[in-house]
PDB file of N, CA and C in Angstrom:
ATOM      1  N   GLU A   1      -6.665 -17.643   0.597  1.00  0.00           N
ATOM      2  CA  GLU A   1      -5.448 -17.956   1.326  1.00  0.00           C
ATOM      3  C   GLU A   1      -5.727 -19.064   2.344  1.00  0.00           C
ATOM      4  N   PRO A   2      -4.801 -19.960   2.533  1.00  0.00           N
ATOM      5  CA  PRO A   2      -4.969 -20.991   3.563  1.00  0.00           C
ATOM      6  C   PRO A   2      -5.035 -20.360   4.960  1.00  0.00           C
ATOM      7  N   LEU A   3      -5.798 -20.969   5.833  1.00  0.00           N
ATOM      8  CA  LEU A   3      -6.001 -20.442   7.186  1.00  0.00           C
ATOM      9  C   LEU A   3      -4.685 -20.231   7.926  1.00  0.00           C
ATOM     10  N   TYR A   4      -3.720 -21.168   7.776  1.00  0.00           N
ATOM     11  CA  TYR A   4      -2.461 -21.022   8.503  1.00  0.00           C
ATOM     12  C   TYR A   4      -1.701 -19.767   8.066  1.00  0.00           C
ATOM     13  N   LEU A   5      -1.831 -19.361   6.795  1.00  0.00           N
ATOM     14  CA  LEU A   5      -1.176 -18.133   6.348  1.00  0.00           C
ATOM     15  C   LEU A   5      -1.840 -16.908   6.949  1.00  0.00           C
ATOM     16  N   ILE A   6      -3.154 -16.928   7.034  1.00  0.00           N
ATOM     17  CA  ILE A   6      -3.890 -15.815   7.625  1.00  0.00           C
ATOM     18  C   ILE A   6      -3.504 -15.662   9.089  1.00  0.00           C
ATOM     19  N   VAL A   7      -3.491 -16.751   9.828  1.00  0.00           N
ATOM     20  CA  VAL A   7      -3.135 -16.722  11.248  1.00  0.00           C
ATOM     21  C   VAL A   7      -1.688 -16.271  11.419  1.00  0.00           C
ATOM     22  N   CYS A   8      -0.784 -16.795  10.597  1.00  0.00           N
ATOM     23  CA  CYS A   8       0.632 -16.421  10.666  1.00  0.00           C
ATOM     24  C   CYS A   8       0.796 -14.923  10.393  1.00  0.00           C
ATOM     25  N   THR A   9       0.110 -14.415   9.380  1.00  0.00           N
ATOM     26  CA  THR A   9       0.180 -12.990   9.053  1.00  0.00           C
ATOM     27  C   THR A   9      -0.299 -12.150  10.223  1.00  0.00           C
ATOM     28  N   GLN A  10      -1.393 -12.544  10.843  1.00  0.00           N
ATOM     29  CA  GLN A  10      -1.927 -11.807  11.981  1.00  0.00           C
ATOM     30  C   GLN A  10      -0.939 -11.799  13.144  1.00  0.00           C
ATOM     31  N   LEU A  11      -0.320 -12.931  13.418  1.00  0.00           N
ATOM     32  CA  LEU A  11       0.654 -13.018  14.512  1.00  0.00           C
ATOM     33  C   LEU A  11       1.869 -12.141  14.239  1.00  0.00           C
ATOM     34  N   VAL A  12       2.347 -12.171  13.011  1.00  0.00           N
ATOM     35  CA  VAL A  12       3.516 -11.356  12.654  1.00  0.00           C
ATOM     36  C   VAL A  12       3.190  -9.868  12.789  1.00  0.00           C
ATOM     37  N   ILE A  13       2.043  -9.449  12.295  1.00  0.00           N
ATOM     38  CA  ILE A  13       1.662  -8.036  12.373  1.00  0.00           C
ATOM     39  C   ILE A  13       1.494  -7.604  13.821  1.00  0.00           C
ATOM     40  N   ARG A  14       0.877  -8.412  14.641  1.00  0.00           N
ATOM     41  CA  ARG A  14       0.717  -8.067  16.062  1.00  0.00           C
ATOM     42  C   ARG A  14       2.066  -7.936  16.760  1.00  0.00           C
ATOM     43  N   GLU A  15       3.007  -8.832  16.426  1.00  0.00           N
ATOM     44  CA  GLU A  15       4.338  -8.758  17.021  1.00  0.00           C
ATOM     45  C   GLU A  15       5.081  -7.521  16.522  1.00  0.00           C
ATOM     46  N   MET A  16       4.937  -7.197  15.248  1.00  0.00           N
ATOM     47  CA  MET A  16       5.560  -5.980  14.723  1.00  0.00           C
ATOM     48  C   MET A  16       4.994  -4.747  15.423  1.00  0.00           C
ATOM     49  N   ASN A  17       3.682  -4.718  15.653  1.00  0.00           N
ATOM     50  CA  ASN A  17       3.059  -3.621  16.392  1.00  0.00           C
ATOM     51  C   ASN A  17       3.633  -3.532  17.801  1.00  0.00           C
ATOM     52  N   ARG A  18       3.757  -4.668  18.463  1.00  0.00           N
ATOM     53  CA  ARG A  18       4.274  -4.697  19.834  1.00  0.00           C
ATOM     54  C   ARG A  18       5.694  -4.156  19.910  1.00  0.00           C
ATOM     55  N   LEU A  19       6.499  -4.475  18.898  1.00  0.00           N
ATOM     56  CA  LEU A  19       7.894  -4.041  18.870  1.00  0.00           C
ATOM     57  C   LEU A  19       8.072  -2.607  18.359  1.00  0.00           C
ATOM     58  N   GLY A  20       6.997  -2.020  17.853  1.00  0.00           N
ATOM     59  CA  GLY A  20       7.081  -0.670  17.307  1.00  0.00           C
ATOM     60  C   GLY A  20       7.619  -0.623  15.884  1.00  0.00           C
ATOM     61  N   MET A  21       7.555  -1.741  15.188  1.00  0.00           N
ATOM     62  CA  MET A  21       8.029  -1.809  13.807  1.00  0.00           C
ATOM     63  C   MET A  21       6.935  -1.353  12.844  1.00  0.00           C
ATOM     64  N   MET A  22       7.346  -0.738  11.752  1.00  0.00           N
ATOM     65  CA  MET A  22       6.388  -0.361  10.709  1.00  0.00           C
ATOM     66  C   MET A  22       6.069  -1.577   9.859  1.00  0.00           C
ATOM     67  N   VAL A  23       4.821  -1.719   9.490  1.00  0.00           N
ATOM     68  CA  VAL A  23       4.388  -2.787   8.594  1.00  0.00           C
ATOM     69  C   VAL A  23       4.350  -2.199   7.190  1.00  0.00           C
ATOM     70  N   ASP A  24       5.282  -2.649   6.327  1.00  0.00           N
ATOM     71  CA  ASP A  24       5.380  -2.154   4.956  1.00  0.00           C
ATOM     72  C   ASP A  24       4.696  -3.156   4.024  1.00  0.00           C
ATOM     73  N   LEU A  25       3.732  -2.679   3.262  1.00  0.00           N
ATOM     74  CA  LEU A  25       2.897  -3.547   2.434  1.00  0.00           C
ATOM     75  C   LEU A  25       3.158  -3.407   0.932  1.00  0.00           C
ATOM     76  N   SER A  26       4.285  -2.866   0.533  1.00  0.00           N
ATOM     77  CA  SER A  26       4.530  -2.600  -0.888  1.00  0.00           C
ATOM     78  C   SER A  26       4.634  -3.832  -1.780  1.00  0.00           C
ATOM     79  N   HIS A  27       4.950  -4.980  -1.255  1.00  0.00           N
ATOM     80  CA  HIS A  27       5.122  -6.158  -2.115  1.00  0.00           C
ATOM     81  C   HIS A  27       4.108  -7.265  -1.818  1.00  0.00           C
ATOM     82  N   VAL A  28       2.967  -6.928  -1.275  1.00  0.00           N
ATOM     83  CA  VAL A  28       2.008  -7.965  -0.884  1.00  0.00           C
ATOM     84  C   VAL A  28       0.794  -7.967  -1.803  1.00  0.00           C
ATOM     85  N   SER A  29       0.014  -9.033  -1.716  1.00  0.00           N
ATOM     86  CA  SER A  29      -1.217  -9.136  -2.506  1.00  0.00           C
ATOM     87  C   SER A  29      -2.280  -8.197  -1.937  1.00  0.00           C
ATOM     88  N   VAL A  30      -3.304  -7.954  -2.729  1.00  0.00           N
ATOM     89  CA  VAL A  30      -4.406  -7.097  -2.284  1.00  0.00           C
ATOM     90  C   VAL A  30      -5.066  -7.683  -1.040  1.00  0.00           C
ATOM     91  N   GLN A  31      -5.266  -8.990  -1.002  1.00  0.00           N
ATOM     92  CA  GLN A  31      -5.889  -9.600   0.169  1.00  0.00           C
ATOM     93  C   GLN A  31      -5.027  -9.406   1.415  1.00  0.00           C
ATOM     94  N   THR A  32      -3.723  -9.536   1.272  1.00  0.00           N
ATOM     95  CA  THR A  32      -2.832  -9.314   2.410  1.00  0.00           C
ATOM     96  C   THR A  32      -2.856  -7.852   2.837  1.00  0.00           C
ATOM     97  N   MET A  33      -2.961  -6.925   1.868  1.00  0.00           N
ATOM     98  CA  MET A  33      -3.099  -5.503   2.209  1.00  0.00           C
ATOM     99  C   MET A  33      -4.306  -5.303   3.113  1.00  0.00           C
ATOM    100  N   LEU A  34      -5.439  -5.858   2.684  1.00  0.00           N
ATOM    101  CA  LEU A  34      -6.679  -5.705   3.443  1.00  0.00           C
ATOM    102  C   LEU A  34      -6.575  -6.344   4.820  1.00  0.00           C
ATOM    103  N   ASP A  35      -6.020  -7.547   4.880  1.00  0.00           N
ATOM    104  CA  ASP A  35      -5.865  -8.242   6.165  1.00  0.00           C
ATOM    105  C   ASP A  35      -4.961  -7.455   7.104  1.00  0.00           C
ATOM    106  N   ALA A  36      -3.853  -6.955   6.582  1.00  0.00           N
ATOM    107  CA  ALA A  36      -2.887  -6.234   7.417  1.00  0.00           C
ATOM    108  C   ALA A  36      -3.474  -4.933   7.951  1.00  0.00           C
ATOM    109  N   VAL A  37      -4.163  -4.195   7.105  1.00  0.00           N
ATOM    110  CA  VAL A  37      -4.777  -2.938   7.549  1.00  0.00           C
ATOM    111  C   VAL A  37      -5.831  -3.216   8.618  1.00  0.00           C
ATOM    112  N   GLU A  38      -6.543  -4.311   8.469  1.00  0.00           N
ATOM    113  CA  GLU A  38      -7.587  -4.685   9.439  1.00  0.00           C
ATOM    114  C   GLU A  38      -6.990  -5.085  10.789  1.00  0.00           C
ATOM    115  N   VAL A  39      -5.898  -5.809  10.769  1.00  0.00           N
ATOM    116  CA  VAL A  39      -5.311  -6.369  11.996  1.00  0.00           C
ATOM    117  C   VAL A  39      -4.419  -5.367  12.733  1.00  0.00           C
ATOM    118  N   SER A  40      -3.701  -4.546  11.986  1.00  0.00           N
ATOM    119  CA  SER A  40      -2.705  -3.676  12.608  1.00  0.00           C
ATOM    120  C   SER A  40      -3.347  -2.632  13.515  1.00  0.00           C
ATOM    121  N   LYS A  41      -2.785  -2.485  14.691  1.00  0.00           N
ATOM    122  CA  LYS A  41      -3.233  -1.462  15.639  1.00  0.00           C
ATOM    123  C   LYS A  41      -2.492  -0.153  15.406  1.00  0.00           C
ATOM    124  N   ALA A  42      -1.465  -0.183  14.574  1.00  0.00           N
ATOM    125  CA  ALA A  42      -0.677   1.004  14.242  1.00  0.00           C
ATOM    126  C   ALA A  42      -0.832   1.294  12.753  1.00  0.00           C
ATOM    127  N   PRO A  43      -0.584   2.532  12.347  1.00  0.00           N
ATOM    128  CA  PRO A  43      -0.630   2.841  10.908  1.00  0.00           C
ATOM    129  C   PRO A  43       0.367   1.989  10.126  1.00  0.00           C
ATOM    130  N   VAL A  44      -0.020   1.602   8.916  1.00  0.00           N
ATOM    131  CA  VAL A  44       0.859   0.832   8.029  1.00  0.00           C
ATOM    132  C   VAL A  44       1.383   1.759   6.940  1.00  0.00           C
ATOM    133  N   ILE A  45       2.356   1.273   6.181  1.00  0.00           N
ATOM    134  CA  ILE A  45       2.983   2.089   5.149  1.00  0.00           C
ATOM    135  C   ILE A  45       3.129   1.280   3.853  1.00  0.00           C
ATOM    136  N   PHE A  46       2.996   1.971   2.745  1.00  0.00           N
ATOM    137  CA  PHE A  46       3.394   1.453   1.440  1.00  0.00           C
ATOM    138  C   PHE A  46       4.587   2.319   1.049  1.00  0.00           C
ATOM    139  N   SER A  47       5.795   1.824   1.230  1.00  0.00           N
ATOM    140  CA  SER A  47       6.991   2.657   1.070  1.00  0.00           C
ATOM    141  C   SER A  47       7.354   2.945  -0.379  1.00  0.00           C
ATOM    142  N   HIS A  48       6.937   2.114  -1.291  1.00  0.00           N
ATOM    143  CA  HIS A  48       7.266   2.363  -2.702  1.00  0.00           C
ATOM    144  C   HIS A  48       6.214   1.745  -3.613  1.00  0.00           C
ATOM    145  N   SER A  49       5.019   2.296  -3.492  1.00  0.00           N
ATOM    146  CA  SER A  49       3.884   1.907  -4.330  1.00  0.00           C
ATOM    147  C   SER A  49       3.246   3.184  -4.865  1.00  0.00           C
ATOM    148  N   SER A  50       2.310   3.039  -5.751  1.00  0.00           N
ATOM    149  CA  SER A  50       1.545   4.165  -6.271  1.00  0.00           C
ATOM    150  C   SER A  50       0.079   3.765  -6.309  1.00  0.00           C
ATOM    151  N   ALA A  51      -0.753   4.653  -6.809  1.00  0.00           N
ATOM    152  CA  ALA A  51      -2.187   4.385  -6.897  1.00  0.00           C
ATOM    153  C   ALA A  51      -2.480   3.532  -8.134  1.00  0.00           C
ATOM    154  N   LEU A  52      -3.215   2.455  -7.944  1.00  0.00           N
ATOM    155  CA  LEU A  52      -3.590   1.574  -9.049  1.00  0.00           C
ATOM    156  C   LEU A  52      -4.409   2.315 -10.101  1.00  0.00           C
ATOM    157  N   ALA A  53      -5.153   3.335  -9.678  1.00  0.00           N
ATOM    158  CA  ALA A  53      -5.964   4.117 -10.622  1.00  0.00           C
ATOM    159  C   ALA A  53      -5.103   4.796 -11.683  1.00  0.00           C
ATOM    160  N   LEU A  54      -3.844   5.070 -11.371  1.00  0.00           N
ATOM    161  CA  LEU A  54      -2.946   5.703 -12.332  1.00  0.00           C
ATOM    162  C   LEU A  54      -2.273   4.711 -13.245  1.00  0.00           C
ATOM    163  N   CYS A  55      -1.948   3.540 -12.696  1.00  0.00           N
ATOM    164  CA  CYS A  55      -1.211   2.551 -13.467  1.00  0.00           C
ATOM    165  C   CYS A  55      -1.519   1.162 -12.913  1.00  0.00           C
ATOM    166  N   ASN A  56      -1.956   0.269 -13.760  1.00  0.00           N
ATOM    167  CA  ASN A  56      -2.342  -1.076 -13.337  1.00  0.00           C
ATOM    168  C   ASN A  56      -1.103  -1.951 -13.160  1.00  0.00           C
ATOM    169  N   SER A  57      -0.439  -1.750 -12.038  1.00  0.00           N
ATOM    170  CA  SER A  57       0.731  -2.549 -11.670  1.00  0.00           C
ATOM    171  C   SER A  57       0.400  -3.296 -10.377  1.00  0.00           C
ATOM    172  N   SER A  58       0.853  -4.530 -10.281  1.00  0.00           N
ATOM    173  CA  SER A  58       0.558  -5.308  -9.072  1.00  0.00           C
ATOM    174  C   SER A  58       1.160  -4.671  -7.828  1.00  0.00           C
ATOM    175  N   ARG A  59       2.117  -3.808  -7.964  1.00  0.00           N
ATOM    176  CA  ARG A  59       2.727  -3.111  -6.827  1.00  0.00           C
ATOM    177  C   ARG A  59       1.839  -1.980  -6.317  1.00  0.00           C
ATOM    178  N   ASN A  60       0.945  -1.465  -7.167  1.00  0.00           N
ATOM    179  CA  ASN A  60       0.154  -0.300  -6.809  1.00  0.00           C
ATOM    180  C   ASN A  60      -1.073  -0.663  -5.975  1.00  0.00           C
ATOM    181  N   VAL A  61      -1.614   0.337  -5.303  1.00  0.00           N
ATOM    182  CA  VAL A  61      -2.653   0.136  -4.293  1.00  0.00           C
ATOM    183  C   VAL A  61      -4.030   0.507  -4.853  1.00  0.00           C
ATOM    184  N   PRO A  62      -4.986  -0.433  -4.796  1.00  0.00           N
ATOM    185  CA  PRO A  62      -6.342  -0.143  -5.291  1.00  0.00           C
ATOM    186  C   PRO A  62      -7.072   0.876  -4.404  1.00  0.00           C
ATOM    187  N   ASP A  63      -8.048   1.556  -4.991  1.00  0.00           N
ATOM    188  CA  ASP A  63      -8.798   2.587  -4.270  1.00  0.00           C
ATOM    189  C   ASP A  63      -9.450   2.069  -2.993  1.00  0.00           C
ATOM    190  N   HIS A  64     -10.032   0.871  -3.030  1.00  0.00           N
ATOM    191  CA  HIS A  64     -10.720   0.381  -1.827  1.00  0.00           C
ATOM    192  C   HIS A  64      -9.734   0.127  -0.684  1.00  0.00           C
ATOM    193  N   VAL A  65      -8.484  -0.176  -1.005  1.00  0.00           N
ATOM    194  CA  VAL A  65      -7.453  -0.323   0.038  1.00  0.00           C
ATOM    195  C   VAL A  65      -7.025   1.055   0.533  1.00  0.00           C
ATOM    196  N   LEU A  66      -6.910   2.027  -0.381  1.00  0.00           N
ATOM    197  CA  LEU A  66      -6.564   3.388   0.029  1.00  0.00           C
ATOM    198  C   LEU A  66      -7.588   3.954   1.004  1.00  0.00           C
ATOM    199  N   THR A  67      -8.854   3.636   0.785  1.00  0.00           N
ATOM    200  CA  THR A  67      -9.906   4.092   1.695  1.00  0.00           C
ATOM    201  C   THR A  67      -9.701   3.510   3.092  1.00  0.00           C
ATOM    202  N   LYS A  68      -9.415   2.222   3.170  1.00  0.00           N
ATOM    203  CA  LYS A  68      -9.167   1.582   4.469  1.00  0.00           C
ATOM    204  C   LYS A  68      -7.869   2.095   5.094  1.00  0.00           C
ATOM    205  N   LEU A  69      -6.893   2.405   4.252  1.00  0.00           N
ATOM    206  CA  LEU A  69      -5.623   2.932   4.737  1.00  0.00           C
ATOM    207  C   LEU A  69      -5.824   4.279   5.422  1.00  0.00           C
ATOM    208  N   ALA A  70      -6.695   5.107   4.884  1.00  0.00           N
ATOM    209  CA  ALA A  70      -6.984   6.405   5.500  1.00  0.00           C
ATOM    210  C   ALA A  70      -7.580   6.218   6.890  1.00  0.00           C
ATOM    211  N   ILE A  71      -8.439   5.244   7.047  1.00  0.00           N
ATOM    212  CA  ILE A  71      -9.033   4.942   8.356  1.00  0.00           C
ATOM    213  C   ILE A  71      -7.962   4.458   9.326  1.00  0.00           C
ATOM    214  N   ASN A  72      -7.017   3.670   8.816  1.00  0.00           N
ATOM    215  CA  ASN A  72      -5.911   3.134   9.617  1.00  0.00           C
ATOM    216  C   ASN A  72      -4.918   4.224  10.007  1.00  0.00           C
ATOM    217  N   GLY A  73      -4.894   5.336   9.267  1.00  0.00           N
ATOM    218  CA  GLY A  73      -3.926   6.394   9.518  1.00  0.00           C
ATOM    219  C   GLY A  73      -2.597   6.156   8.823  1.00  0.00           C
ATOM    220  N   GLY A  74      -2.568   5.167   7.932  1.00  0.00           N
ATOM    221  CA  GLY A  74      -1.342   4.810   7.236  1.00  0.00           C
ATOM    222  C   GLY A  74      -1.022   5.750   6.090  1.00  0.00           C
ATOM    223  N   ILE A  75       0.110   5.476   5.431  1.00  0.00           N
ATOM    224  CA  ILE A  75       0.550   6.340   4.345  1.00  0.00           C
ATOM    225  C   ILE A  75       1.016   5.525   3.139  1.00  0.00           C
ATOM    226  N   VAL A  76       0.938   6.164   1.987  1.00  0.00           N
ATOM    227  CA  VAL A  76       1.517   5.635   0.754  1.00  0.00           C
ATOM    228  C   VAL A  76       2.511   6.680   0.284  1.00  0.00           C
ATOM    229  N   MET A  77       3.748   6.276   0.146  1.00  0.00           N
ATOM    230  CA  MET A  77       4.765   7.191  -0.359  1.00  0.00           C
ATOM    231  C   MET A  77       4.529   7.383  -1.862  1.00  0.00           C
ATOM    232  N   VAL A  78       5.004   8.488  -2.418  1.00  0.00           N
ATOM    233  CA  VAL A  78       4.892   8.714  -3.854  1.00  0.00           C
ATOM    234  C   VAL A  78       6.108   8.094  -4.523  1.00  0.00           C
ATOM    235  N   SER A  79       5.873   7.090  -5.319  1.00  0.00           N
ATOM    236  CA  SER A  79       6.956   6.431  -6.045  1.00  0.00           C
ATOM    237  C   SER A  79       7.246   7.202  -7.320  1.00  0.00           C
ATOM    238  N   PHE A  80       8.508   7.482  -7.565  1.00  0.00           N
ATOM    239  CA  PHE A  80       8.891   8.209  -8.769  1.00  0.00           C
ATOM    240  C   PHE A  80       9.363   7.264  -9.865  1.00  0.00           C
ATOM    241  N   TYR A  81       9.078   5.981  -9.719  1.00  0.00           N
ATOM    242  CA  TYR A  81       9.482   5.000 -10.717  1.00  0.00           C
ATOM    243  C   TYR A  81       8.513   5.041 -11.890  1.00  0.00           C
ATOM    244  N   ASN A  82       9.044   5.238 -13.097  1.00  0.00           N
ATOM    245  CA  ASN A  82       8.227   5.406 -14.301  1.00  0.00           C
ATOM    246  C   ASN A  82       7.111   4.378 -14.436  1.00  0.00           C
ATOM    247  N   ASN A  83       7.455   3.106 -14.302  1.00  0.00           N
ATOM    248  CA  ASN A  83       6.481   2.046 -14.556  1.00  0.00           C
ATOM    249  C   ASN A  83       5.350   2.001 -13.538  1.00  0.00           C
ATOM    250  N   PHE A  84       5.504   2.627 -12.384  1.00  0.00           N
ATOM    251  CA  PHE A  84       4.425   2.672 -11.401  1.00  0.00           C
ATOM    252  C   PHE A  84       3.571   3.920 -11.562  1.00  0.00           C
ATOM    253  N   LEU A  85       4.115   4.952 -12.208  1.00  0.00           N
ATOM    254  CA  LEU A  85       3.387   6.210 -12.390  1.00  0.00           C
ATOM    255  C   LEU A  85       2.637   6.281 -13.708  1.00  0.00           C
ATOM    256  N   SER A  86       3.305   5.866 -14.786  1.00  0.00           N
ATOM    257  CA  SER A  86       2.726   6.073 -16.117  1.00  0.00           C
ATOM    258  C   SER A  86       2.574   4.787 -16.925  1.00  0.00           C
ATOM    259  N   CYS A  87       2.978   3.657 -16.347  1.00  0.00           N
ATOM    260  CA  CYS A  87       2.949   2.373 -17.054  1.00  0.00           C
ATOM    261  C   CYS A  87       3.772   2.408 -18.337  1.00  0.00           C
ATOM    262  N   SER A  88       4.806   3.209 -18.343  1.00  0.00           N
ATOM    263  CA  SER A  88       5.686   3.280 -19.514  1.00  0.00           C
ATOM    264  C   SER A  88       7.124   3.509 -19.053  1.00  0.00           C
ATOM    265  N   ASP A  89       8.011   3.624 -20.022  1.00  0.00           N
ATOM    266  CA  ASP A  89       9.428   3.824 -19.705  1.00  0.00           C
ATOM    267  C   ASP A  89       9.750   5.257 -19.313  1.00  0.00           C
ATOM    268  N   THR A  90       8.806   6.164 -19.505  1.00  0.00           N
ATOM    269  CA  THR A  90       9.037   7.555 -19.140  1.00  0.00           C
ATOM    270  C   THR A  90       7.887   8.061 -18.269  1.00  0.00           C
ATOM    271  N   ALA A  91       8.221   8.988 -17.407  1.00  0.00           N
ATOM    272  CA  ALA A  91       7.213   9.671 -16.589  1.00  0.00           C
ATOM    273  C   ALA A  91       7.631  11.124 -16.485  1.00  0.00           C
ATOM    274  N   THR A  92       6.655  11.990 -16.342  1.00  0.00           N
ATOM    275  CA  THR A  92       6.920  13.428 -16.269  1.00  0.00           C
ATOM    276  C   THR A  92       6.503  13.964 -14.913  1.00  0.00           C
ATOM    277  N   LEU A  93       6.820  15.226 -14.682  1.00  0.00           N
ATOM    278  CA  LEU A  93       6.375  15.881 -13.458  1.00  0.00           C
ATOM    279  C   LEU A  93       4.845  15.878 -13.399  1.00  0.00           C
ATOM    280  N   HIS A  94       4.201  15.957 -14.547  1.00  0.00           N
ATOM    281  CA  HIS A  94       2.733  15.886 -14.610  1.00  0.00           C
ATOM    282  C   HIS A  94       2.229  14.554 -14.039  1.00  0.00           C
ATOM    283  N   ASP A  95       2.929  13.458 -14.319  1.00  0.00           N
ATOM    284  CA  ASP A  95       2.555  12.148 -13.787  1.00  0.00           C
ATOM    285  C   ASP A  95       2.689  12.122 -12.263  1.00  0.00           C
ATOM    286  N   VAL A  96       3.735  12.742 -11.740  1.00  0.00           N
ATOM    287  CA  VAL A  96       3.945  12.806 -10.285  1.00  0.00           C
ATOM    288  C   VAL A  96       2.842  13.626  -9.638  1.00  0.00           C
ATOM    289  N   ILE A  97       2.510  14.769 -10.240  1.00  0.00           N
ATOM    290  CA  ILE A  97       1.438  15.611  -9.706  1.00  0.00           C
ATOM    291  C   ILE A  97       0.107  14.860  -9.764  1.00  0.00           C
ATOM    292  N   GLY A  98      -0.124  14.126 -10.850  1.00  0.00           N
ATOM    293  CA  GLY A  98      -1.342  13.308 -10.946  1.00  0.00           C
ATOM    294  C   GLY A  98      -1.423  12.301  -9.840  1.00  0.00           C
ATOM    295  N   GLU A  99      -0.294  11.704  -9.466  1.00  0.00           N
ATOM    296  CA  GLU A  99      -0.238  10.737  -8.359  1.00  0.00           C
ATOM    297  C   GLU A  99      -0.659  11.403  -7.060  1.00  0.00           C
ATOM    298  N   ILE A 100      -0.142  12.578  -6.806  1.00  0.00           N
ATOM    299  CA  ILE A 100      -0.457  13.295  -5.561  1.00  0.00           C
ATOM    300  C   ILE A 100      -1.928  13.692  -5.526  1.00  0.00           C
ATOM    301  N   ILE A 101      -2.442  14.212  -6.624  1.00  0.00           N
ATOM    302  CA  ILE A 101      -3.846  14.629  -6.687  1.00  0.00           C
ATOM    303  C   ILE A 101      -4.765  13.426  -6.516  1.00  0.00           C
ATOM    304  N   THR A 102      -4.425  12.306  -7.135  1.00  0.00           N
ATOM    305  CA  THR A 102      -5.242  11.098  -6.988  1.00  0.00           C
ATOM    306  C   THR A 102      -5.354  10.699  -5.522  1.00  0.00           C
ATOM    307  N   ARG A 103      -4.275  10.814  -4.800  1.00  0.00           N
ATOM    308  CA  ARG A 103      -4.286  10.418  -3.371  1.00  0.00           C
ATOM    309  C   ARG A 103      -5.042  11.402  -2.510  1.00  0.00           C
ATOM    310  N   LEU A 104      -5.136  12.649  -2.924  1.00  0.00           N
ATOM    311  CA  LEU A 104      -5.838  13.650  -2.134  1.00  0.00           C
ATOM    312  C   LEU A 104      -7.356  13.551  -2.265  1.00  0.00           C
ATOM    313  N   ARG A 105      -7.819  12.849  -3.269  1.00  0.00           N
ATOM    314  CA  ARG A 105      -9.267  12.745  -3.507  1.00  0.00           C
ATOM    315  C   ARG A 105      -9.944  11.881  -2.500  1.00  0.00           C
TER     316      ARG A 105
END
């Protein structure tokens, strides 16, 4: 990433922290996820993502980011969208339970 984007991202996150706003990372790149978790003084959120280990979607969160997220105190909501849970047009309750168990590990 260009330096000006990194600096801009850091400034925006710090201002969001100051204002008490939640930093939602559901539509960002993996590098931005890592940068945001590192910079934020408050817990961050992934409001509609899932675990990448379950489904290889660019919206989902890789394990190494989940580890840093736990340190940050942030959360990942459980997305019930088929393509984020099972990488197909259908998902079952088993897929949702798998998502929850994956996050508990």
